[in-house]
N, C-alpha and C. Protein backbone atom coordinates (compact mmCIF):
# COMPACT_ATOMS: atom_id res chain seq x y z
N MET A 1 32.04 47.48 -35.92
CA MET A 1 31.46 47.03 -34.68
C MET A 1 32.52 46.22 -33.92
N THR A 2 32.68 46.50 -32.65
CA THR A 2 33.68 45.80 -31.84
C THR A 2 33.20 44.38 -31.51
N LYS A 3 34.13 43.56 -31.07
CA LYS A 3 33.80 42.19 -30.68
C LYS A 3 32.81 42.21 -29.50
N THR A 4 32.99 43.15 -28.58
CA THR A 4 32.07 43.28 -27.44
C THR A 4 30.66 43.57 -27.93
N GLU A 5 30.52 44.50 -28.86
CA GLU A 5 29.21 44.84 -29.41
C GLU A 5 28.60 43.66 -30.16
N GLN A 6 29.43 42.96 -30.94
CA GLN A 6 28.94 41.80 -31.68
C GLN A 6 28.42 40.72 -30.73
N LEU A 7 29.18 40.45 -29.67
CA LEU A 7 28.79 39.42 -28.72
C LEU A 7 27.54 39.85 -27.95
N ASN A 8 27.50 41.10 -27.53
CA ASN A 8 26.34 41.63 -26.83
C ASN A 8 25.08 41.48 -27.68
N ASP A 9 25.17 41.90 -28.94
CA ASP A 9 24.04 41.79 -29.87
C ASP A 9 23.65 40.33 -30.09
N ALA A 10 24.65 39.45 -30.20
CA ALA A 10 24.37 38.04 -30.44
C ALA A 10 23.62 37.42 -29.27
N ILE A 11 24.05 37.72 -28.06
CA ILE A 11 23.38 37.16 -26.87
C ILE A 11 21.95 37.68 -26.79
N ARG A 12 21.77 38.96 -27.08
CA ARG A 12 20.42 39.53 -27.06
C ARG A 12 19.52 38.86 -28.12
N LYS A 13 20.08 38.59 -29.30
CA LYS A 13 19.30 37.95 -30.36
C LYS A 13 18.91 36.52 -29.97
N ILE A 14 19.85 35.78 -29.39
CA ILE A 14 19.55 34.42 -28.95
C ILE A 14 18.47 34.45 -27.86
N ALA A 15 18.56 35.40 -26.95
CA ALA A 15 17.55 35.54 -25.90
C ALA A 15 16.18 35.86 -26.50
N GLU A 16 16.17 36.75 -27.47
CA GLU A 16 14.92 37.13 -28.12
C GLU A 16 14.26 35.93 -28.80
N ARG A 17 15.07 35.13 -29.49
CA ARG A 17 14.54 33.93 -30.16
C ARG A 17 13.93 32.96 -29.17
N ALA A 18 14.46 32.93 -27.95
CA ALA A 18 13.97 32.01 -26.92
C ALA A 18 12.88 32.64 -26.06
N ASN A 19 12.44 33.84 -26.44
CA ASN A 19 11.42 34.57 -25.68
C ASN A 19 11.85 34.84 -24.24
N ILE A 20 13.13 35.18 -24.09
CA ILE A 20 13.68 35.52 -22.78
C ILE A 20 13.85 37.03 -22.74
N ARG A 21 13.25 37.65 -21.75
CA ARG A 21 13.46 39.09 -21.56
C ARG A 21 14.81 39.24 -20.87
N GLU A 22 15.81 39.69 -21.63
CA GLU A 22 17.18 39.68 -21.12
C GLU A 22 17.60 40.98 -20.45
N ASN A 23 16.68 41.87 -20.16
CA ASN A 23 17.04 43.13 -19.51
C ASN A 23 17.89 42.89 -18.27
N ASP A 24 19.12 43.32 -18.33
CA ASP A 24 20.05 43.24 -17.20
C ASP A 24 20.31 41.82 -16.69
N LEU A 25 20.11 40.80 -17.54
CA LEU A 25 20.40 39.44 -17.11
C LEU A 25 21.88 39.10 -17.23
N PHE A 26 22.61 39.85 -18.08
CA PHE A 26 24.02 39.52 -18.26
C PHE A 26 24.84 40.80 -18.44
N HIS A 27 26.12 40.65 -18.17
CA HIS A 27 27.07 41.74 -18.36
C HIS A 27 28.37 41.13 -18.89
N LEU A 28 28.91 41.74 -19.94
CA LEU A 28 30.17 41.27 -20.52
C LEU A 28 31.32 42.14 -20.09
N THR A 29 32.41 41.50 -19.68
CA THR A 29 33.64 42.21 -19.35
C THR A 29 34.75 41.66 -20.22
N PRO A 30 35.25 42.48 -21.18
CA PRO A 30 36.38 42.00 -21.99
C PRO A 30 37.63 41.94 -21.13
N VAL A 31 38.39 40.87 -21.26
CA VAL A 31 39.60 40.73 -20.45
C VAL A 31 40.86 40.58 -21.29
N SER A 32 40.74 40.62 -22.61
CA SER A 32 41.93 40.52 -23.46
C SER A 32 42.33 41.92 -23.92
N ARG A 33 43.62 42.14 -23.99
CA ARG A 33 44.13 43.44 -24.43
C ARG A 33 44.11 43.59 -25.94
N ASP A 34 44.13 42.47 -26.64
CA ASP A 34 44.10 42.53 -28.10
C ASP A 34 42.68 42.25 -28.57
N GLY A 35 42.50 42.08 -29.83
CA GLY A 35 41.17 41.83 -30.38
C GLY A 35 40.73 40.38 -30.32
N ALA A 36 41.44 39.56 -29.55
CA ALA A 36 41.15 38.12 -29.50
C ALA A 36 39.74 37.82 -29.00
N GLY A 37 39.23 38.63 -28.11
CA GLY A 37 37.87 38.45 -27.65
C GLY A 37 37.70 37.47 -26.51
N ILE A 38 38.45 37.64 -25.43
CA ILE A 38 38.23 36.84 -24.23
C ILE A 38 37.34 37.67 -23.31
N PHE A 39 36.25 37.05 -22.82
CA PHE A 39 35.27 37.76 -22.01
C PHE A 39 34.91 36.98 -20.76
N ILE A 40 34.50 37.72 -19.74
CA ILE A 40 33.81 37.13 -18.59
C ILE A 40 32.36 37.57 -18.75
N MET A 41 31.46 36.61 -18.76
CA MET A 41 30.04 36.90 -18.85
C MET A 41 29.44 36.69 -17.46
N GLY A 42 29.06 37.79 -16.82
CA GLY A 42 28.40 37.71 -15.53
C GLY A 42 26.90 37.65 -15.76
N ILE A 43 26.22 36.84 -14.97
CA ILE A 43 24.77 36.74 -15.10
C ILE A 43 24.10 37.05 -13.78
N LYS A 44 22.87 37.54 -13.88
CA LYS A 44 22.05 37.75 -12.69
C LYS A 44 21.50 36.39 -12.30
N TRP A 45 21.71 36.04 -11.05
CA TRP A 45 21.29 34.74 -10.58
C TRP A 45 19.94 34.85 -9.89
N PRO A 46 18.99 33.97 -10.08
CA PRO A 46 19.04 32.78 -10.90
C PRO A 46 18.45 32.97 -12.29
N GLU A 47 17.87 34.16 -12.56
CA GLU A 47 17.19 34.37 -13.83
C GLU A 47 18.09 34.20 -15.05
N GLY A 48 19.34 34.60 -14.93
CA GLY A 48 20.27 34.52 -16.05
C GLY A 48 20.66 33.10 -16.43
N ALA A 49 20.41 32.16 -15.54
CA ALA A 49 20.74 30.76 -15.84
C ALA A 49 19.98 30.28 -17.06
N ARG A 50 18.74 30.70 -17.21
CA ARG A 50 17.95 30.28 -18.38
C ARG A 50 18.57 30.81 -19.67
N LEU A 51 19.08 32.04 -19.64
CA LEU A 51 19.74 32.61 -20.81
C LEU A 51 20.97 31.76 -21.17
N CYS A 52 21.77 31.42 -20.19
CA CYS A 52 22.95 30.59 -20.46
C CYS A 52 22.56 29.22 -20.98
N GLU A 53 21.50 28.66 -20.44
CA GLU A 53 21.03 27.36 -20.92
C GLU A 53 20.61 27.44 -22.38
N GLU A 54 19.99 28.55 -22.78
CA GLU A 54 19.58 28.71 -24.17
C GLU A 54 20.81 28.87 -25.08
N ILE A 55 21.79 29.62 -24.64
CA ILE A 55 23.02 29.76 -25.44
C ILE A 55 23.70 28.40 -25.53
N GLU A 56 23.74 27.67 -24.42
CA GLU A 56 24.35 26.34 -24.40
C GLU A 56 23.63 25.40 -25.37
N ARG A 57 22.32 25.58 -25.53
CA ARG A 57 21.54 24.74 -26.44
C ARG A 57 21.93 24.97 -27.90
N VAL A 58 22.26 26.21 -28.26
CA VAL A 58 22.57 26.50 -29.66
C VAL A 58 24.07 26.60 -29.95
N VAL A 59 24.89 26.59 -28.91
CA VAL A 59 26.34 26.66 -29.10
C VAL A 59 26.97 25.48 -28.36
N THR A 60 27.29 24.45 -29.12
CA THR A 60 27.96 23.29 -28.55
C THR A 60 29.33 23.74 -28.05
N GLY A 61 29.60 23.51 -26.79
CA GLY A 61 30.88 23.93 -26.22
C GLY A 61 30.76 25.16 -25.34
N PHE A 62 29.55 25.77 -25.26
CA PHE A 62 29.37 26.89 -24.34
C PHE A 62 29.48 26.32 -22.93
N PRO A 63 30.31 26.92 -22.09
CA PRO A 63 30.52 26.35 -20.76
C PRO A 63 29.24 26.33 -19.92
N SER A 64 28.97 25.21 -19.30
CA SER A 64 27.82 25.09 -18.41
C SER A 64 28.09 25.94 -17.17
N ILE A 65 27.06 26.63 -16.69
CA ILE A 65 27.28 27.49 -15.53
C ILE A 65 26.99 26.81 -14.22
N GLY A 66 26.20 25.74 -14.24
CA GLY A 66 25.84 25.10 -12.98
C GLY A 66 25.23 26.12 -12.05
N ASP A 67 25.85 26.35 -10.90
CA ASP A 67 25.35 27.35 -9.97
C ASP A 67 26.27 28.57 -9.90
N ALA A 68 27.10 28.76 -10.92
CA ALA A 68 28.02 29.89 -10.96
C ALA A 68 27.31 31.14 -11.47
N SER A 69 27.85 32.28 -11.13
CA SER A 69 27.27 33.54 -11.60
C SER A 69 28.08 34.17 -12.72
N CYS A 70 29.11 33.47 -13.18
CA CYS A 70 29.89 33.97 -14.30
C CYS A 70 30.50 32.82 -15.07
N VAL A 71 30.86 33.13 -16.32
CA VAL A 71 31.46 32.12 -17.17
C VAL A 71 32.51 32.81 -18.03
N ALA A 72 33.65 32.16 -18.22
CA ALA A 72 34.71 32.69 -19.08
C ALA A 72 34.43 32.25 -20.51
N LEU A 73 34.47 33.21 -21.43
CA LEU A 73 34.22 32.91 -22.84
C LEU A 73 35.50 33.15 -23.62
N LEU A 74 36.10 32.08 -24.12
CA LEU A 74 37.31 32.17 -24.92
C LEU A 74 36.94 32.44 -26.38
N PRO A 75 37.89 32.91 -27.18
CA PRO A 75 37.58 33.32 -28.56
C PRO A 75 36.78 32.32 -29.39
N PRO A 76 37.06 31.01 -29.35
CA PRO A 76 36.24 30.10 -30.17
C PRO A 76 34.77 30.09 -29.75
N VAL A 77 34.51 30.22 -28.45
CA VAL A 77 33.14 30.25 -27.95
C VAL A 77 32.47 31.57 -28.37
N VAL A 78 33.18 32.67 -28.23
CA VAL A 78 32.65 33.97 -28.63
C VAL A 78 32.26 33.94 -30.10
N ASP A 79 33.15 33.44 -30.93
CA ASP A 79 32.86 33.35 -32.37
C ASP A 79 31.67 32.46 -32.65
N ALA A 80 31.55 31.35 -31.91
CA ALA A 80 30.43 30.43 -32.12
C ALA A 80 29.11 31.08 -31.71
N VAL A 81 29.09 31.86 -30.62
CA VAL A 81 27.88 32.56 -30.19
C VAL A 81 27.46 33.57 -31.24
N ILE A 82 28.41 34.33 -31.75
CA ILE A 82 28.12 35.33 -32.78
C ILE A 82 27.59 34.64 -34.03
N SER A 83 28.21 33.54 -34.41
CA SER A 83 27.78 32.79 -35.60
C SER A 83 26.37 32.23 -35.42
N ALA A 84 26.07 31.68 -34.25
CA ALA A 84 24.74 31.12 -33.99
C ALA A 84 23.67 32.19 -34.07
N ALA A 85 23.97 33.38 -33.60
CA ALA A 85 22.98 34.46 -33.64
C ALA A 85 22.76 34.97 -35.06
N ARG A 86 23.77 34.87 -35.89
CA ARG A 86 23.64 35.33 -37.28
C ARG A 86 22.87 34.36 -38.15
N SER A 87 22.75 33.12 -37.71
CA SER A 87 22.03 32.12 -38.47
C SER A 87 20.55 32.49 -38.50
N PRO A 88 19.90 32.39 -39.67
CA PRO A 88 18.49 32.77 -39.75
C PRO A 88 17.56 31.88 -38.93
N VAL A 89 17.97 30.66 -38.69
CA VAL A 89 17.20 29.76 -37.83
C VAL A 89 18.14 29.21 -36.77
N PRO A 90 17.62 28.95 -35.57
CA PRO A 90 18.50 28.43 -34.52
C PRO A 90 19.13 27.11 -34.93
N VAL A 91 20.44 27.05 -34.92
CA VAL A 91 21.17 25.82 -35.20
C VAL A 91 22.24 25.66 -34.14
N SER A 92 22.64 24.45 -33.93
CA SER A 92 23.72 24.19 -32.99
C SER A 92 25.05 24.51 -33.67
N THR A 93 25.82 25.39 -33.07
CA THR A 93 27.12 25.78 -33.60
C THR A 93 28.20 25.20 -32.71
N ALA A 94 29.05 24.39 -33.27
CA ALA A 94 30.11 23.73 -32.51
C ALA A 94 31.30 24.66 -32.34
N VAL A 95 31.92 24.58 -31.18
CA VAL A 95 33.16 25.30 -30.92
C VAL A 95 34.29 24.42 -31.44
N PRO A 96 35.21 24.97 -32.22
CA PRO A 96 36.32 24.16 -32.72
C PRO A 96 37.09 23.50 -31.58
N ASP A 97 37.48 22.27 -31.79
CA ASP A 97 38.22 21.53 -30.77
C ASP A 97 39.68 21.96 -30.80
N ARG A 98 40.02 22.93 -29.96
CA ARG A 98 41.39 23.44 -29.95
C ARG A 98 42.29 22.63 -29.03
N ASP A 99 41.68 21.71 -28.27
CA ASP A 99 42.45 20.94 -27.30
C ASP A 99 42.86 19.57 -27.81
N GLY A 100 42.49 19.24 -29.02
CA GLY A 100 42.87 17.96 -29.58
C GLY A 100 41.90 16.86 -29.20
N PRO A 101 42.02 15.73 -29.87
CA PRO A 101 41.06 14.64 -29.67
C PRO A 101 41.19 13.93 -28.33
N GLY A 102 42.29 14.13 -27.60
CA GLY A 102 42.48 13.42 -26.35
C GLY A 102 41.68 13.97 -25.19
N ARG A 103 41.16 15.17 -25.29
CA ARG A 103 40.43 15.78 -24.19
C ARG A 103 38.94 15.48 -24.34
N ALA A 104 38.34 15.01 -23.30
CA ALA A 104 36.92 14.63 -23.34
C ALA A 104 36.04 15.84 -23.56
N ALA A 105 34.93 15.64 -24.26
CA ALA A 105 33.99 16.73 -24.52
C ALA A 105 33.49 17.35 -23.23
N ALA A 106 33.24 16.55 -22.21
CA ALA A 106 32.75 17.08 -20.94
C ALA A 106 33.79 18.00 -20.31
N ASP A 107 35.09 17.67 -20.45
CA ASP A 107 36.13 18.53 -19.92
C ASP A 107 36.15 19.87 -20.62
N ARG A 108 36.02 19.86 -21.94
CA ARG A 108 35.97 21.11 -22.69
C ARG A 108 34.74 21.91 -22.30
N HIS A 109 33.63 21.22 -22.07
CA HIS A 109 32.36 21.86 -21.79
C HIS A 109 32.43 22.69 -20.51
N HIS A 110 33.13 22.22 -19.50
CA HIS A 110 33.18 22.91 -18.21
C HIS A 110 34.44 23.74 -18.02
N ALA A 111 35.29 23.81 -19.03
CA ALA A 111 36.58 24.47 -18.88
C ALA A 111 36.48 25.95 -18.59
N GLY A 112 35.44 26.64 -19.07
CA GLY A 112 35.35 28.08 -18.87
C GLY A 112 34.52 28.51 -17.69
N ARG A 113 34.09 27.59 -16.87
CA ARG A 113 33.19 27.91 -15.76
C ARG A 113 33.93 28.61 -14.64
N CYS A 114 33.35 29.67 -14.13
CA CYS A 114 33.91 30.39 -12.97
C CYS A 114 33.48 29.68 -11.70
N GLU A 115 34.15 29.98 -10.63
CA GLU A 115 33.76 29.42 -9.35
C GLU A 115 32.42 29.99 -8.92
N PRO A 116 31.59 29.18 -8.25
CA PRO A 116 30.31 29.69 -7.78
C PRO A 116 30.51 30.78 -6.74
N ASP A 117 29.61 31.75 -6.74
CA ASP A 117 29.69 32.77 -5.73
C ASP A 117 28.99 32.27 -4.47
N ALA A 118 29.23 32.92 -3.37
CA ALA A 118 28.63 32.49 -2.10
C ALA A 118 27.16 32.87 -2.10
N ARG A 119 26.33 31.90 -1.80
CA ARG A 119 24.88 32.13 -1.68
C ARG A 119 24.40 31.53 -0.38
N PRO A 120 23.39 32.12 0.20
CA PRO A 120 22.86 31.53 1.45
C PRO A 120 22.22 30.20 1.18
C-alpha cells in the first residue's frame, strides 16, 4: 500500500470515528518525488474544516487550517495521522519535534498552513 493510500485510509478512519461523512471533503496531492510522503491536503470549505479539527484533536502537531482551504503535511505529520488511525481507540499522537526545543509549539503548529483562498 502506498503512502497516499495509507494516509487516505487513515483520514477516512478518523472521520468515521468522529461520525463525519467525509465524502469529497478532502483531496490529497503528493508533492514529494521520493517516498518521503509530503502532501498538500485540500479541503472543501467550510465542511472540511470539521474534519481537519478532528484530525488536529488526535494528532498533536497537525497544522491548524484557520480559514485556509489547504494544509501542507510533512512526513512526521503524515506518519502521526496514519499511526493515530491505526490505534484501536482515539489517542493523541504527537508529531516528533524535528525543529528542536527552541521553536515554540505554536510555531510548529501553524508551520504547514497554506495561504487562505479568496472568499467573498
